[in-house]
Amino acid sequence: MPLFSFRRSNKIKKLLEDGKMEEVVKKALENEKIANHLVELLDDKNPGIVGDSLMVISMVIKENPNAVRITQELIEKIFDLLATSKVAYVKDGAMALLLELAKNYGNEFRESFSKGVEKLMKKGDKSIVAFALLLIKELKLSQFKDTVTSLLEVEDKVILPFKGRRWVRIGDIAREVLDSL
């Protein structure tokens, strides 16, 4: 069985290397094993494959939230990728996937998201902190209200990989979050 698993992972990896993300999305929607192989590829040494896998998983979940088996370990792994990767593409993919997971599984994995947000707020750069604010808003994590309030006067601007989130002041995002809590 592992031999076939290895071959399938290599086939999916090759499709990603060839830029055929839409084909991988289609296959993952049709076959749960393909979706699971994408999760396995999050451990790949090539950051391009990791970033592609994050993006594809995000697209798959957007199409069908039940197509990928979501676990606490997976959510923690994605938070770790966001917090530790030095590659912008991996960070952008992790942000896209975490926001999609928050929309679909936020209540089910609230504790994992809360711990992840806390970690990002303490250790993240300004873009990571701004993203953590978006998660606080999405999940209505009111326990971070004091932290959000402390960011109201921050003038630093960030670019986030979401529509309408280019060169936005952290203080403006914090105000938006506070208004929603």
C-alpha atoms as a PDB file:
ATOM      1  CA  MET A   1       0.000   0.000   0.000  1.00  0.00           C
ATOM      2  CA  PRO A   2       2.703   2.576   0.792  1.00  0.00           C
ATOM      3  CA  LEU A   3       4.198   1.970  -2.652  1.00  0.00           C
ATOM      4  CA  PHE A   4       0.971   3.027  -4.353  1.00  0.00           C
ATOM      5  CA  SER A   5       0.623   5.937  -1.968  1.00  0.00           C
ATOM      6  CA  PHE A   6       4.142   7.046  -2.875  1.00  0.00           C
ATOM      7  CA  ARG A   7       3.403   6.832  -6.605  1.00  0.00           C
ATOM      8  CA  ARG A   8       0.189   8.788  -6.251  1.00  0.00           C
ATOM      9  CA  SER A   9       1.951  11.486  -4.203  1.00  0.00           C
ATOM     10  CA  ASN A  10       4.612  11.728  -6.892  1.00  0.00           C
ATOM     11  CA  LYS A  11       1.948  12.051  -9.583  1.00  0.00           C
ATOM     12  CA  ILE A  12       0.214  14.848  -7.672  1.00  0.00           C
ATOM     13  CA  LYS A  13       3.557  16.521  -7.005  1.00  0.00           C
ATOM     14  CA  LYS A  14       4.408  16.335 -10.731  1.00  0.00           C
ATOM     15  CA  LEU A  15       1.070  17.937 -11.633  1.00  0.00           C
ATOM     16  CA  LEU A  16       1.789  20.752  -9.171  1.00  0.00           C
ATOM     17  CA  GLU A  17       5.308  21.194 -10.571  1.00  0.00           C
ATOM     18  CA  ASP A  18       3.766  21.465 -14.044  1.00  0.00           C
ATOM     19  CA  GLY A  19       1.400  24.205 -12.835  1.00  0.00           C
ATOM     20  CA  LYS A  20      -1.742  22.097 -13.236  1.00  0.00           C
ATOM     21  CA  MET A  21      -3.404  23.222 -10.018  1.00  0.00           C
ATOM     22  CA  GLU A  22      -6.935  23.155 -11.460  1.00  0.00           C
ATOM     23  CA  GLU A  23      -6.479  19.520 -12.461  1.00  0.00           C
ATOM     24  CA  VAL A  24      -5.285  18.660  -8.946  1.00  0.00           C
ATOM     25  CA  VAL A  25      -8.304  20.474  -7.455  1.00  0.00           C
ATOM     26  CA  LYS A  26     -10.632  18.459  -9.682  1.00  0.00           C
ATOM     27  CA  LYS A  27      -8.939  15.171  -8.744  1.00  0.00           C
ATOM     28  CA  ALA A  28      -8.990  16.025  -5.024  1.00  0.00           C
ATOM     29  CA  LEU A  29     -12.705  16.807  -5.184  1.00  0.00           C
ATOM     30  CA  GLU A  30     -13.313  13.403  -6.774  1.00  0.00           C
ATOM     31  CA  ASN A  31     -11.001  11.348  -4.555  1.00  0.00           C
ATOM     32  CA  GLU A  32     -10.363  11.842  -0.835  1.00  0.00           C
ATOM     33  CA  LYS A  33      -7.021  10.030  -1.110  1.00  0.00           C
ATOM     34  CA  ILE A  34      -5.752  12.752  -3.447  1.00  0.00           C
ATOM     35  CA  ALA A  35      -6.788  15.384  -0.903  1.00  0.00           C
ATOM     36  CA  ASN A  36      -4.912  13.462   1.789  1.00  0.00           C
ATOM     37  CA  HIS A  37      -1.815  13.361  -0.432  1.00  0.00           C
ATOM     38  CA  LEU A  38      -1.985  17.141  -0.679  1.00  0.00           C
ATOM     39  CA  VAL A  39      -1.855  17.295   3.115  1.00  0.00           C
ATOM     40  CA  GLU A  40       1.197  15.002   3.048  1.00  0.00           C
ATOM     41  CA  LEU A  41       2.882  17.366   0.579  1.00  0.00           C
ATOM     42  CA  LEU A  42       2.838  20.091   3.248  1.00  0.00           C
ATOM     43  CA  ASP A  43       5.990  18.335   4.533  1.00  0.00           C
ATOM     44  CA  ASP A  44       7.778  18.577   1.182  1.00  0.00           C
ATOM     45  CA  LYS A  45      11.227  20.187   1.145  1.00  0.00           C
ATOM     46  CA  ASN A  46      10.337  22.329  -1.873  1.00  0.00           C
ATOM     47  CA  PRO A  47       8.537  25.477  -0.635  1.00  0.00           C
ATOM     48  CA  GLY A  48       6.865  25.851  -4.040  1.00  0.00           C
ATOM     49  CA  ILE A  49       5.166  22.467  -3.604  1.00  0.00           C
ATOM     50  CA  VAL A  50       4.157  23.389  -0.046  1.00  0.00           C
ATOM     51  CA  GLY A  51       2.694  26.706  -1.242  1.00  0.00           C
ATOM     52  CA  ASP A  52       0.867  25.038  -4.136  1.00  0.00           C
ATOM     53  CA  SER A  53      -0.519  22.373  -1.793  1.00  0.00           C
ATOM     54  CA  LEU A  54      -1.796  25.035   0.603  1.00  0.00           C
ATOM     55  CA  MET A  55      -3.477  26.914  -2.252  1.00  0.00           C
ATOM     56  CA  VAL A  56      -5.022  23.766  -3.743  1.00  0.00           C
ATOM     57  CA  ILE A  57      -6.346  22.581  -0.371  1.00  0.00           C
ATOM     58  CA  SER A  58      -7.866  26.034   0.103  1.00  0.00           C
ATOM     59  CA  MET A  59      -9.579  25.845  -3.309  1.00  0.00           C
ATOM     60  CA  VAL A  60     -10.827  22.321  -2.603  1.00  0.00           C
ATOM     61  CA  ILE A  61     -12.333  23.367   0.744  1.00  0.00           C
ATOM     62  CA  LYS A  62     -13.953  26.374  -0.913  1.00  0.00           C
ATOM     63  CA  GLU A  63     -15.642  23.997  -3.387  1.00  0.00           C
ATOM     64  CA  ASN A  64     -16.475  21.259  -0.878  1.00  0.00           C
ATOM     65  CA  PRO A  65     -15.640  21.746   2.824  1.00  0.00           C
ATOM     66  CA  ASN A  66     -15.901  17.984   3.424  1.00  0.00           C
ATOM     67  CA  ALA A  67     -13.426  16.942   0.717  1.00  0.00           C
ATOM     68  CA  VAL A  68     -10.400  17.180   3.031  1.00  0.00           C
ATOM     69  CA  ARG A  69     -10.181  15.560   6.445  1.00  0.00           C
ATOM     70  CA  ILE A  70      -9.546  18.459   8.818  1.00  0.00           C
ATOM     71  CA  THR A  71      -7.840  17.714  12.125  1.00  0.00           C
ATOM     72  CA  GLN A  72      -6.446  19.736  14.982  1.00  0.00           C
ATOM     73  CA  GLU A  73      -2.957  18.611  13.914  1.00  0.00           C
ATOM     74  CA  LEU A  74      -3.508  19.933  10.389  1.00  0.00           C
ATOM     75  CA  ILE A  75      -4.611  23.328  11.683  1.00  0.00           C
ATOM     76  CA  GLU A  76      -1.603  23.503  14.003  1.00  0.00           C
ATOM     77  CA  LYS A  77       0.703  22.533  11.120  1.00  0.00           C
ATOM     78  CA  ILE A  78      -0.668  25.347   8.952  1.00  0.00           C
ATOM     79  CA  PHE A  79      -0.235  27.868  11.782  1.00  0.00           C
ATOM     80  CA  ASP A  80       3.361  26.638  12.158  1.00  0.00           C
ATOM     81  CA  LEU A  81       4.002  27.049   8.431  1.00  0.00           C
ATOM     82  CA  LEU A  82       2.671  30.597   8.611  1.00  0.00           C
ATOM     83  CA  ALA A  83       4.724  31.464  11.684  1.00  0.00           C
ATOM     84  CA  THR A  84       8.010  29.884  10.597  1.00  0.00           C
ATOM     85  CA  SER A  85       8.255  29.952   6.804  1.00  0.00           C
ATOM     86  CA  LYS A  86      10.453  32.593   5.257  1.00  0.00           C
ATOM     87  CA  VAL A  87       8.834  32.087   1.841  1.00  0.00           C
ATOM     88  CA  ALA A  88       6.091  34.606   0.992  1.00  0.00           C
ATOM     89  CA  TYR A  89       4.220  32.105  -1.211  1.00  0.00           C
ATOM     90  CA  VAL A  90       3.974  29.609   1.657  1.00  0.00           C
ATOM     91  CA  LYS A  91       2.796  32.356   4.026  1.00  0.00           C
ATOM     92  CA  ASP A  92       0.173  33.553   1.527  1.00  0.00           C
ATOM     93  CA  GLY A  93      -1.047  29.986   1.008  1.00  0.00           C
ATOM     94  CA  ALA A  94      -1.215  29.390   4.755  1.00  0.00           C
ATOM     95  CA  MET A  95      -3.214  32.601   5.223  1.00  0.00           C
ATOM     96  CA  ALA A  96      -5.663  31.683   2.463  1.00  0.00           C
ATOM     97  CA  LEU A  97      -6.147  28.183   3.848  1.00  0.00           C
ATOM     98  CA  LEU A  98      -6.474  29.269   7.485  1.00  0.00           C
ATOM     99  CA  LEU A  99      -9.105  31.860   6.591  1.00  0.00           C
ATOM    100  CA  GLU A 100     -11.057  29.258   4.602  1.00  0.00           C
ATOM    101  CA  LEU A 101     -10.766  26.780   7.486  1.00  0.00           C
ATOM    102  CA  ALA A 102     -11.910  29.444   9.948  1.00  0.00           C
ATOM    103  CA  LYS A 103     -15.015  30.080   7.842  1.00  0.00           C
ATOM    104  CA  ASN A 104     -15.883  26.385   7.618  1.00  0.00           C
ATOM    105  CA  TYR A 105     -14.468  24.848  10.798  1.00  0.00           C
ATOM    106  CA  GLY A 106     -13.924  27.777  13.154  1.00  0.00           C
ATOM    107  CA  ASN A 107     -16.399  26.647  15.779  1.00  0.00           C
ATOM    108  CA  GLU A 108     -15.336  23.012  15.665  1.00  0.00           C
ATOM    109  CA  PHE A 109     -11.650  23.880  16.153  1.00  0.00           C
ATOM    110  CA  ARG A 110     -12.065  27.118  18.098  1.00  0.00           C
ATOM    111  CA  GLU A 111      -9.431  26.199  20.697  1.00  0.00           C
ATOM    112  CA  SER A 112      -6.814  25.421  18.025  1.00  0.00           C
ATOM    113  CA  PHE A 113      -7.543  28.679  16.234  1.00  0.00           C
ATOM    114  CA  SER A 114      -7.404  30.622  19.488  1.00  0.00           C
ATOM    115  CA  LYS A 115      -3.978  29.172  20.354  1.00  0.00           C
ATOM    116  CA  GLY A 116      -2.737  29.800  16.825  1.00  0.00           C
ATOM    117  CA  VAL A 117      -3.912  33.412  16.862  1.00  0.00           C
ATOM    118  CA  GLU A 118      -2.235  33.970  20.220  1.00  0.00           C
ATOM    119  CA  LYS A 119       1.034  32.610  18.833  1.00  0.00           C
ATOM    120  CA  LEU A 120       0.799  34.814  15.736  1.00  0.00           C
ATOM    121  CA  MET A 121       0.055  37.925  17.792  1.00  0.00           C
ATOM    122  CA  LYS A 122       3.135  37.330  19.972  1.00  0.00           C
ATOM    123  CA  LYS A 123       5.678  36.187  17.397  1.00  0.00           C
ATOM    124  CA  GLY A 124       4.492  37.428  14.021  1.00  0.00           C
ATOM    125  CA  ASP A 125       5.690  40.312  11.899  1.00  0.00           C
ATOM    126  CA  LYS A 126       3.243  43.110  11.092  1.00  0.00           C
ATOM    127  CA  SER A 127       1.635  41.224   8.170  1.00  0.00           C
ATOM    128  CA  ILE A 128       1.138  38.153  10.340  1.00  0.00           C
ATOM    129  CA  VAL A 129      -0.375  40.270  13.133  1.00  0.00           C
ATOM    130  CA  ALA A 130      -2.727  41.906  10.616  1.00  0.00           C
ATOM    131  CA  PHE A 131      -3.789  38.463   9.408  1.00  0.00           C
ATOM    132  CA  ALA A 132      -4.340  37.324  13.004  1.00  0.00           C
ATOM    133  CA  LEU A 133      -6.688  40.297  13.356  1.00  0.00           C
ATOM    134  CA  LEU A 134      -8.722  38.987  10.412  1.00  0.00           C
ATOM    135  CA  LEU A 135      -9.002  35.598  12.115  1.00  0.00           C
ATOM    136  CA  ILE A 136     -10.110  37.295  15.346  1.00  0.00           C
ATOM    137  CA  LYS A 137     -12.829  39.062  13.359  1.00  0.00           C
ATOM    138  CA  GLU A 138     -13.917  35.934  11.472  1.00  0.00           C
ATOM    139  CA  LEU A 139     -14.140  33.823  14.629  1.00  0.00           C
ATOM    140  CA  LYS A 140     -15.344  36.597  16.966  1.00  0.00           C
ATOM    141  CA  LEU A 141     -12.531  35.823  19.429  1.00  0.00           C
ATOM    142  CA  SER A 142     -13.481  38.422  22.017  1.00  0.00           C
ATOM    143  CA  GLN A 143     -10.750  37.290  24.440  1.00  0.00           C
ATOM    144  CA  PHE A 144      -8.315  39.275  22.257  1.00  0.00           C
ATOM    145  CA  LYS A 145     -10.239  42.545  22.598  1.00  0.00           C
ATOM    146  CA  ASP A 146      -7.534  44.229  24.729  1.00  0.00           C
ATOM    147  CA  THR A 147      -4.817  43.190  22.290  1.00  0.00           C
ATOM    148  CA  VAL A 148      -6.842  44.495  19.354  1.00  0.00           C
ATOM    149  CA  THR A 149      -7.462  47.781  21.182  1.00  0.00           C
ATOM    150  CA  SER A 150      -3.716  48.214  21.704  1.00  0.00           C
ATOM    151  CA  LEU A 151      -3.237  48.151  17.916  1.00  0.00           C
ATOM    152  CA  LEU A 152      -5.704  50.933  17.079  1.00  0.00           C
ATOM    153  CA  GLU A 153      -3.012  53.605  16.755  1.00  0.00           C
ATOM    154  CA  VAL A 154      -0.548  51.528  14.713  1.00  0.00           C
ATOM    155  CA  GLU A 155       0.184  53.398  11.481  1.00  0.00           C
ATOM    156  CA  ASP A 156       2.186  50.632   9.758  1.00  0.00           C
ATOM    157  CA  LYS A 157       0.647  49.491   6.488  1.00  0.00           C
ATOM    158  CA  VAL A 158       0.508  45.899   5.308  1.00  0.00           C
ATOM    159  CA  ILE A 159      -0.281  43.963   2.168  1.00  0.00           C
ATOM    160  CA  LEU A 160      -2.368  40.844   2.714  1.00  0.00           C
ATOM    161  CA  PRO A 161      -3.182  38.275   0.000  1.00  0.00           C
ATOM    162  CA  PHE A 162      -6.890  39.104   0.007  1.00  0.00           C
ATOM    163  CA  LYS A 163      -8.987  41.348  -2.190  1.00  0.00           C
ATOM    164  CA  GLY A 164      -9.195  44.851  -0.755  1.00  0.00           C
ATOM    165  CA  ARG A 165      -6.328  44.270   1.690  1.00  0.00           C
ATOM    166  CA  ARG A 166      -3.476  46.115  -0.045  1.00  0.00           C
ATOM    167  CA  TRP A 167      -1.590  48.801   1.876  1.00  0.00           C
ATOM    168  CA  VAL A 168      -4.021  48.856   4.774  1.00  0.00           C
ATOM    169  CA  ARG A 169      -3.108  50.366   8.142  1.00  0.00           C
ATOM    170  CA  ILE A 170      -2.998  47.849  10.978  1.00  0.00           C
ATOM    171  CA  GLY A 171      -4.930  50.365  13.087  1.00  0.00           C
ATOM    172  CA  ASP A 172      -7.737  50.415  10.494  1.00  0.00           C
ATOM    173  CA  ILE A 173      -7.946  46.621  10.541  1.00  0.00           C
ATOM    174  CA  ALA A 174      -7.985  46.685  14.358  1.00  0.00           C
ATOM    175  CA  ARG A 175     -10.871  49.195  14.324  1.00  0.00           C
ATOM    176  CA  GLU A 176     -12.804  46.999  11.884  1.00  0.00           C
ATOM    177  CA  VAL A 177     -12.231  43.996  14.163  1.00  0.00           C
ATOM    178  CA  LEU A 178     -13.320  45.868  17.294  1.00  0.00           C
ATOM    179  CA  ASP A 179     -16.500  47.014  15.559  1.00  0.00           C
ATOM    180  CA  SER A 180     -17.335  43.376  14.797  1.00  0.00           C
ATOM    181  CA  LEU A 181     -16.687  42.079  18.320  1.00  0.00           C
END
